[in-house]
């Protein structure tokens, strides 16, 4: 099993502690779209979109691991595919994460320059 396989397993493990979610009063999802301040979960973004990470709402140990992998606040990432897992291009590497994990990464769409 390669390093990327172990990484995939560790991020998508169902035996992780429950995630303590912060109240998201400014985030409202209507018909698959985010209303409010242009921030929504990564799981709601269309494939091919480039976004900027605004907040990680995971448990501290998972947040630290995500940051080690490049999923940091203010980091630009591209959602390459959303099939059985979410494939993200982060720092010239492609990483697969679960939908549950993608739900806990709040992002903002990057506007074209």
C-alpha atoms as a PDB file:
ATOM      1  CA  UNK A   1       0.000   0.000   0.000  1.00  0.00           C
ATOM      2  CA  UNK A   2       1.516   3.348  -1.034  1.00  0.00           C
ATOM      3  CA  UNK A   3       1.737   6.525   1.005  1.00  0.00           C
ATOM      4  CA  UNK A   4      -1.194   8.107  -0.849  1.00  0.00           C
ATOM      5  CA  UNK A   5      -3.341   5.023  -0.109  1.00  0.00           C
ATOM      6  CA  UNK A   6      -2.608   5.294   3.602  1.00  0.00           C
ATOM      7  CA  UNK A   7      -3.351   8.995   3.490  1.00  0.00           C
ATOM      8  CA  UNK A   8      -6.696   8.358   1.804  1.00  0.00           C
ATOM      9  CA  UNK A   9      -7.601   5.757   4.425  1.00  0.00           C
ATOM     10  CA  UNK A  10      -6.631   7.976   7.344  1.00  0.00           C
ATOM     11  CA  UNK A  11      -8.689  10.942   6.139  1.00  0.00           C
ATOM     12  CA  UNK A  12     -11.786   8.890   5.321  1.00  0.00           C
ATOM     13  CA  UNK A  13     -11.742   6.647   8.381  1.00  0.00           C
ATOM     14  CA  UNK A  14     -15.219   6.181   9.864  1.00  0.00           C
ATOM     15  CA  UNK A  15     -13.820   5.527  13.335  1.00  0.00           C
ATOM     16  CA  UNK A  16     -12.696   9.118  13.892  1.00  0.00           C
ATOM     17  CA  UNK A  17     -14.133  11.062  16.792  1.00  0.00           C
ATOM     18  CA  UNK A  18     -17.257  13.075  16.057  1.00  0.00           C
ATOM     19  CA  UNK A  19     -16.516  16.491  14.635  1.00  0.00           C
ATOM     20  CA  UNK A  20     -17.549  19.443  16.752  1.00  0.00           C
ATOM     21  CA  UNK A  21     -19.228  21.809  14.341  1.00  0.00           C
ATOM     22  CA  UNK A  22     -19.288  25.530  15.004  1.00  0.00           C
ATOM     23  CA  UNK A  23     -22.651  27.200  14.530  1.00  0.00           C
ATOM     24  CA  UNK A  24     -22.819  28.555  11.000  1.00  0.00           C
ATOM     25  CA  UNK A  25     -25.439  31.243  11.311  1.00  0.00           C
ATOM     26  CA  UNK A  26     -24.201  33.140   8.244  1.00  0.00           C
ATOM     27  CA  UNK A  27     -24.334  30.023   6.017  1.00  0.00           C
ATOM     28  CA  UNK A  28     -27.637  29.084   4.434  1.00  0.00           C
ATOM     29  CA  UNK A  29     -27.895  26.553   1.617  1.00  0.00           C
ATOM     30  CA  UNK A  30     -30.835  26.973  -0.729  1.00  0.00           C
ATOM     31  CA  UNK A  31     -31.401  24.566  -3.621  1.00  0.00           C
ATOM     32  CA  UNK A  32     -27.747  23.500  -3.649  1.00  0.00           C
ATOM     33  CA  UNK A  33     -26.450  27.079  -3.595  1.00  0.00           C
ATOM     34  CA  UNK A  34     -25.000  29.089  -0.772  1.00  0.00           C
ATOM     35  CA  UNK A  35     -26.714  32.255   0.264  1.00  0.00           C
ATOM     36  CA  UNK A  36     -25.016  34.953   2.249  1.00  0.00           C
ATOM     37  CA  UNK A  37     -21.342  35.872   2.278  1.00  0.00           C
ATOM     38  CA  UNK A  38     -20.166  33.696  -0.660  1.00  0.00           C
ATOM     39  CA  UNK A  39     -18.867  31.011   1.702  1.00  0.00           C
ATOM     40  CA  UNK A  40     -20.024  27.402   1.474  1.00  0.00           C
ATOM     41  CA  UNK A  41     -18.771  23.864   2.128  1.00  0.00           C
ATOM     42  CA  UNK A  42     -16.378  22.392  -0.434  1.00  0.00           C
ATOM     43  CA  UNK A  43     -18.952  19.646  -0.989  1.00  0.00           C
ATOM     44  CA  UNK A  44     -21.283  22.218  -2.633  1.00  0.00           C
ATOM     45  CA  UNK A  45     -18.732  23.410  -5.211  1.00  0.00           C
ATOM     46  CA  UNK A  46     -18.888  22.261  -8.834  1.00  0.00           C
ATOM     47  CA  UNK A  47     -16.040  20.213 -10.286  1.00  0.00           C
ATOM     48  CA  UNK A  48     -13.494  22.424 -12.047  1.00  0.00           C
ATOM     49  CA  UNK A  49     -14.003  25.380  -9.716  1.00  0.00           C
ATOM     50  CA  UNK A  50     -11.086  27.140  -8.074  1.00  0.00           C
ATOM     51  CA  UNK A  51     -11.761  28.191  -4.497  1.00  0.00           C
ATOM     52  CA  UNK A  52     -10.008  29.699  -1.501  1.00  0.00           C
ATOM     53  CA  UNK A  53     -10.254  27.935   1.859  1.00  0.00           C
ATOM     54  CA  UNK A  54     -11.807  30.231   4.463  1.00  0.00           C
ATOM     55  CA  UNK A  55     -12.214  27.944   7.483  1.00  0.00           C
ATOM     56  CA  UNK A  56     -11.675  24.346   8.605  1.00  0.00           C
ATOM     57  CA  UNK A  57     -14.477  23.210  10.942  1.00  0.00           C
ATOM     58  CA  UNK A  58     -12.976  19.864  11.930  1.00  0.00           C
ATOM     59  CA  UNK A  59     -11.633  18.490  15.215  1.00  0.00           C
ATOM     60  CA  UNK A  60      -8.226  19.966  16.123  1.00  0.00           C
ATOM     61  CA  UNK A  61      -6.248  16.831  15.205  1.00  0.00           C
ATOM     62  CA  UNK A  62      -7.943  16.563  11.792  1.00  0.00           C
ATOM     63  CA  UNK A  63      -7.487  20.309  11.223  1.00  0.00           C
ATOM     64  CA  UNK A  64      -3.757  19.949  11.925  1.00  0.00           C
ATOM     65  CA  UNK A  65      -3.469  17.015   9.491  1.00  0.00           C
ATOM     66  CA  UNK A  66      -5.345  18.935   6.786  1.00  0.00           C
ATOM     67  CA  UNK A  67      -2.974  21.879   7.223  1.00  0.00           C
ATOM     68  CA  UNK A  68       0.022  19.540   6.930  1.00  0.00           C
ATOM     69  CA  UNK A  69      -1.422  18.352   3.591  1.00  0.00           C
ATOM     70  CA  UNK A  70      -1.839  21.919   2.311  1.00  0.00           C
ATOM     71  CA  UNK A  71      -5.515  22.519   3.162  1.00  0.00           C
ATOM     72  CA  UNK A  72      -4.773  25.798   4.979  1.00  0.00           C
ATOM     73  CA  UNK A  73      -6.867  28.914   5.404  1.00  0.00           C
ATOM     74  CA  UNK A  74      -6.319  31.304   2.449  1.00  0.00           C
ATOM     75  CA  UNK A  75      -4.949  28.427   0.312  1.00  0.00           C
ATOM     76  CA  UNK A  76      -6.293  28.241  -3.242  1.00  0.00           C
ATOM     77  CA  UNK A  77      -7.381  24.789  -4.345  1.00  0.00           C
ATOM     78  CA  UNK A  78      -9.164  23.360  -7.366  1.00  0.00           C
ATOM     79  CA  UNK A  79     -11.909  20.768  -7.117  1.00  0.00           C
ATOM     80  CA  UNK A  80     -10.939  18.388  -9.924  1.00  0.00           C
ATOM     81  CA  UNK A  81     -13.730  15.804  -9.540  1.00  0.00           C
ATOM     82  CA  UNK A  82     -16.636  14.934  -7.275  1.00  0.00           C
ATOM     83  CA  UNK A  83     -17.492  11.294  -7.685  1.00  0.00           C
ATOM     84  CA  UNK A  84     -17.119   8.660  -4.956  1.00  0.00           C
ATOM     85  CA  UNK A  85     -14.631  11.035  -3.316  1.00  0.00           C
ATOM     86  CA  UNK A  86     -13.722  14.673  -3.814  1.00  0.00           C
ATOM     87  CA  UNK A  87     -10.447  15.030  -5.734  1.00  0.00           C
ATOM     88  CA  UNK A  88      -8.725  18.335  -4.981  1.00  0.00           C
ATOM     89  CA  UNK A  89      -5.602  19.823  -6.482  1.00  0.00           C
ATOM     90  CA  UNK A  90      -3.622  21.301  -3.599  1.00  0.00           C
ATOM     91  CA  UNK A  91      -0.065  22.604  -3.966  1.00  0.00           C
ATOM     92  CA  UNK A  92       0.491  20.703  -7.265  1.00  0.00           C
ATOM     93  CA  UNK A  93      -0.758  17.421  -5.752  1.00  0.00           C
ATOM     94  CA  UNK A  94      -4.128  15.719  -6.085  1.00  0.00           C
ATOM     95  CA  UNK A  95      -5.722  14.472  -2.887  1.00  0.00           C
ATOM     96  CA  UNK A  96      -8.974  12.568  -2.397  1.00  0.00           C
ATOM     97  CA  UNK A  97     -11.239  13.352   0.562  1.00  0.00           C
ATOM     98  CA  UNK A  98     -14.648  12.088   1.641  1.00  0.00           C
ATOM     99  CA  UNK A  99     -17.879  14.039   1.303  1.00  0.00           C
ATOM    100  CA  UNK A 100     -18.073  14.276   5.100  1.00  0.00           C
ATOM    101  CA  UNK A 101     -14.651  15.919   5.207  1.00  0.00           C
ATOM    102  CA  UNK A 102     -15.523  18.186   2.250  1.00  0.00           C
ATOM    103  CA  UNK A 103     -18.589  19.335   4.227  1.00  0.00           C
ATOM    104  CA  UNK A 104     -16.286  20.631   6.964  1.00  0.00           C
ATOM    105  CA  UNK A 105     -14.047  22.746   4.680  1.00  0.00           C
ATOM    106  CA  UNK A 106     -15.615  26.161   4.109  1.00  0.00           C
ATOM    107  CA  UNK A 107     -14.514  27.846   0.896  1.00  0.00           C
ATOM    108  CA  UNK A 108     -15.073  30.976  -1.147  1.00  0.00           C
ATOM    109  CA  UNK A 109     -15.084  31.020  -4.940  1.00  0.00           C
ATOM    110  CA  UNK A 110     -12.030  32.693  -6.496  1.00  0.00           C
ATOM    111  CA  UNK A 111     -13.128  35.291  -9.011  1.00  0.00           C
ATOM    112  CA  UNK A 112     -11.416  35.417 -12.409  1.00  0.00           C
ATOM    113  CA  UNK A 113      -8.641  37.971 -12.653  1.00  0.00           C
END
